[in-house]
Protein backbone atom coordinates (compact mmCIF):
# COMPACT_ATOMS: atom_id res chain seq x y z
CA MET A 1 -11.42 -9.17 -59.69
CA TRP A 2 -13.22 -12.05 -61.82
CA LYS A 3 -9.46 -13.37 -62.13
CA TRP A 4 -9.23 -13.39 -58.27
CA ILE A 5 -12.62 -15.40 -57.74
CA LYS A 6 -11.66 -17.76 -60.56
CA ARG A 7 -8.29 -18.71 -58.67
CA VAL A 8 -9.80 -19.14 -55.28
CA GLY A 9 -12.22 -20.97 -56.33
CA LEU A 10 -9.60 -23.25 -58.46
CA ALA A 11 -7.75 -23.57 -55.45
CA CYS A 12 -11.07 -24.60 -53.33
CA GLY A 13 -12.08 -27.12 -55.48
CA VAL A 14 -8.38 -28.52 -55.84
CA LEU A 15 -8.50 -29.02 -51.86
CA VAL A 16 -11.66 -30.56 -51.87
CA ILE A 17 -10.91 -33.23 -54.28
CA GLY A 18 -7.59 -33.95 -53.12
CA THR A 19 -9.02 -34.04 -49.28
CA ALA A 20 -11.56 -36.50 -50.96
CA VAL A 21 -9.27 -38.59 -52.46
CA THR A 22 -6.23 -38.88 -50.54
CA GLY A 23 -8.47 -39.01 -47.35
CA CYS A 24 -7.13 -37.93 -44.01
CA SER A 25 -4.77 -39.58 -42.29
CA ASP A 26 -5.30 -40.86 -38.89
CA VAL A 27 -2.57 -42.97 -38.14
CA LYS A 28 -2.01 -44.32 -34.22
CA ILE A 29 0.86 -46.23 -34.09
CA GLY A 30 2.01 -48.62 -31.45
CA VAL A 31 0.81 -51.00 -28.30
CA THR A 32 -1.65 -50.24 -25.99
CA GLU A 33 -3.53 -53.05 -23.22
CA ASP A 34 -5.48 -54.82 -25.96
CA GLY A 35 -2.40 -55.28 -28.85
CA LEU A 36 -2.52 -52.98 -31.89
CA ALA A 37 -4.46 -50.22 -32.55
CA PRO A 38 -7.65 -51.07 -34.25
CA CYS A 39 -8.05 -50.24 -38.20
CA PRO A 40 -10.18 -47.53 -39.16
CA ASN A 41 -13.46 -48.15 -41.22
CA LYS A 42 -11.07 -48.12 -44.52
CA PRO A 43 -10.23 -50.38 -46.93
CA ASN A 44 -6.40 -49.91 -46.73
CA CYS A 45 -5.90 -51.22 -43.13
CA ILE A 46 -5.36 -55.11 -42.30
CA THR A 47 -4.79 -56.61 -38.92
CA SER A 48 -4.57 -59.75 -36.98
CA MET A 49 -6.32 -58.33 -33.62
CA THR A 50 -9.41 -58.06 -35.09
CA GLY A 51 -12.91 -59.50 -35.60
CA ASP A 52 -13.93 -57.78 -38.44
CA LYS A 53 -13.60 -59.92 -41.55
CA ASP A 54 -12.99 -57.32 -44.12
CA SER A 55 -9.53 -56.74 -42.45
CA ARG A 56 -9.04 -59.49 -40.70
CA VAL A 57 -5.59 -61.20 -41.53
CA LYS A 58 -3.96 -64.18 -39.84
CA PRO A 59 -0.52 -63.61 -37.63
CA LEU A 60 2.82 -64.85 -38.25
CA GLU A 61 3.46 -67.88 -36.63
CA TYR A 62 6.79 -69.60 -35.44
CA ALA A 63 7.98 -72.04 -33.50
CA GLY A 64 10.86 -71.77 -30.83
CA PRO A 65 12.42 -68.46 -28.73
CA LYS A 66 10.56 -65.08 -29.29
CA GLU A 67 14.09 -63.35 -29.58
CA ASN A 68 14.84 -65.63 -32.76
CA ALA A 69 11.58 -65.04 -34.70
CA ARG A 70 11.66 -61.32 -33.87
CA SER A 71 15.96 -60.95 -35.22
CA THR A 72 14.40 -63.29 -38.16
CA LEU A 73 11.63 -60.78 -39.07
CA LEU A 74 14.25 -57.71 -38.47
CA ALA A 75 16.52 -59.33 -41.26
CA VAL A 76 13.72 -59.77 -43.48
CA LEU A 77 12.45 -56.47 -43.25
CA GLN A 78 16.09 -54.98 -43.23
CA ASN A 79 16.21 -56.78 -46.97
CA MET A 80 13.04 -55.61 -48.51
CA LYS A 81 13.24 -52.28 -50.99
CA ARG A 82 12.03 -48.98 -49.45
CA CYS A 83 11.45 -50.20 -45.94
CA LYS A 84 12.66 -48.24 -42.81
CA ILE A 85 12.67 -49.65 -38.95
CA GLU A 86 11.01 -46.82 -37.26
CA THR A 87 11.08 -48.81 -33.79
CA LYS A 88 12.56 -52.07 -32.78
CA ASN A 89 11.83 -53.23 -28.59
CA SER A 90 11.42 -56.60 -27.46
CA ASP A 91 8.07 -56.92 -28.39
CA TYR A 92 7.21 -54.55 -30.94
CA ILE A 93 8.78 -53.23 -34.53
CA HIS A 94 7.64 -50.50 -36.39
CA ALA A 95 8.44 -50.10 -40.16
CA THR A 96 7.37 -47.88 -42.72
CA PHE A 97 7.54 -48.81 -46.67
CA GLN A 98 7.36 -45.93 -49.16
CA SER A 99 5.79 -46.38 -52.52
CA ALA A 100 8.67 -46.05 -55.39
CA PHE A 101 6.52 -43.64 -57.71
CA PHE A 102 4.27 -41.21 -55.77
CA GLY A 103 5.94 -41.77 -52.26
CA PHE A 104 2.93 -42.89 -50.21
CA VAL A 105 4.01 -44.38 -46.70
CA ASP A 106 2.50 -47.31 -45.36
CA ASP A 107 3.02 -48.35 -41.60
CA VAL A 108 3.84 -52.04 -41.04
CA GLU A 109 3.90 -52.94 -37.15
CA PHE A 110 4.44 -56.16 -35.61
CA TYR A 111 3.57 -57.36 -31.92
CA PHE A 112 5.09 -60.47 -30.29
CA PRO A 113 2.94 -61.03 -26.82
CA GLU A 114 4.72 -63.40 -24.63
CA ASP A 115 4.52 -67.07 -25.08
CA THR A 116 2.10 -67.43 -27.92
CA GLY A 117 4.17 -68.97 -30.82
CA VAL A 118 2.88 -65.48 -33.24
CA ILE A 119 3.23 -62.27 -34.01
CA HIS A 120 0.19 -59.70 -34.56
CA VAL A 121 0.20 -57.67 -37.64
CA ARG A 122 -1.01 -54.66 -38.46
CA PHE A 123 -0.99 -52.86 -41.92
CA ALA A 124 -2.27 -49.37 -42.70
CA ALA A 125 -1.78 -46.62 -45.43
CA ARG A 126 -0.96 -43.35 -43.72
CA SER A 127 -3.37 -41.77 -45.98
CA GLY A 128 -6.19 -42.71 -48.90
CA TYR A 129 -9.15 -44.74 -48.54
CA TYR A 130 -7.65 -47.93 -50.66
CA ASP A 131 -4.92 -49.23 -51.10
CA PHE A 132 -5.55 -51.59 -53.93
CA GLY A 133 -4.52 -54.62 -52.09
CA VAL A 134 -0.76 -53.51 -51.90
CA ASN A 135 -0.76 -54.48 -47.89
CA LYS A 136 -2.44 -57.75 -48.31
CA ARG A 137 0.07 -58.74 -50.62
CA ARG A 138 3.06 -56.97 -48.99
CA LEU A 139 2.08 -59.14 -45.89
CA GLU A 140 2.04 -62.42 -47.49
CA GLU A 141 5.39 -61.69 -49.00
CA ILE A 142 6.76 -60.66 -45.57
CA ARG A 143 4.76 -64.17 -44.36
CA GLU A 144 6.46 -66.25 -46.88
CA LEU A 145 10.08 -64.86 -46.69
CA PHE A 146 9.76 -65.00 -42.75
CA ARG A 147 8.82 -68.83 -43.26
CA ALA A 148 11.68 -69.57 -45.59
CA ARG A 149 14.27 -67.86 -43.12
CA MET A 150 13.09 -69.22 -39.96
CA SER A 151 12.92 -72.83 -41.76
CA GLU A 152 17.03 -72.41 -42.81
CA ASP A 153 17.38 -71.46 -39.42
CA LEU A 154 16.26 -74.82 -38.06
CA MET A 155 17.67 -76.76 -40.32
CA GLN A 156 21.12 -75.13 -39.61
CA GLY A 157 20.62 -75.32 -35.66
């Protein structure tokens, strides 16, 4: 009997600690009438569509047709490790990145409003509370690759 109680107690403890460490997933994906979904009150999400200084980042900027920027961004994403394009349409791209070791999934969204010259972004970890700056570093890598590729296309065109 005591053995059974210890096992149940251990299982409950693991469940409580696991939930506290990883958090519950509250993934909201897609574009609404207000743009990309706001970030939850967690430091594992960043977006260009908020006034909150803790999660605010700059959108990607481009010159020229939106279609060129969209195809350039898709080419950048398709060449990145552990990236999978989930959804792509004329004004929205949703991709996921999976970490190499633990297999954690991050959602990455790009929104192309009409005639603005910007691509709004939202990067969010699906689980957990902290992402240890992974999403900000990933955004800056994408920003650098996107700028370089857009410059190449301008020079060739």
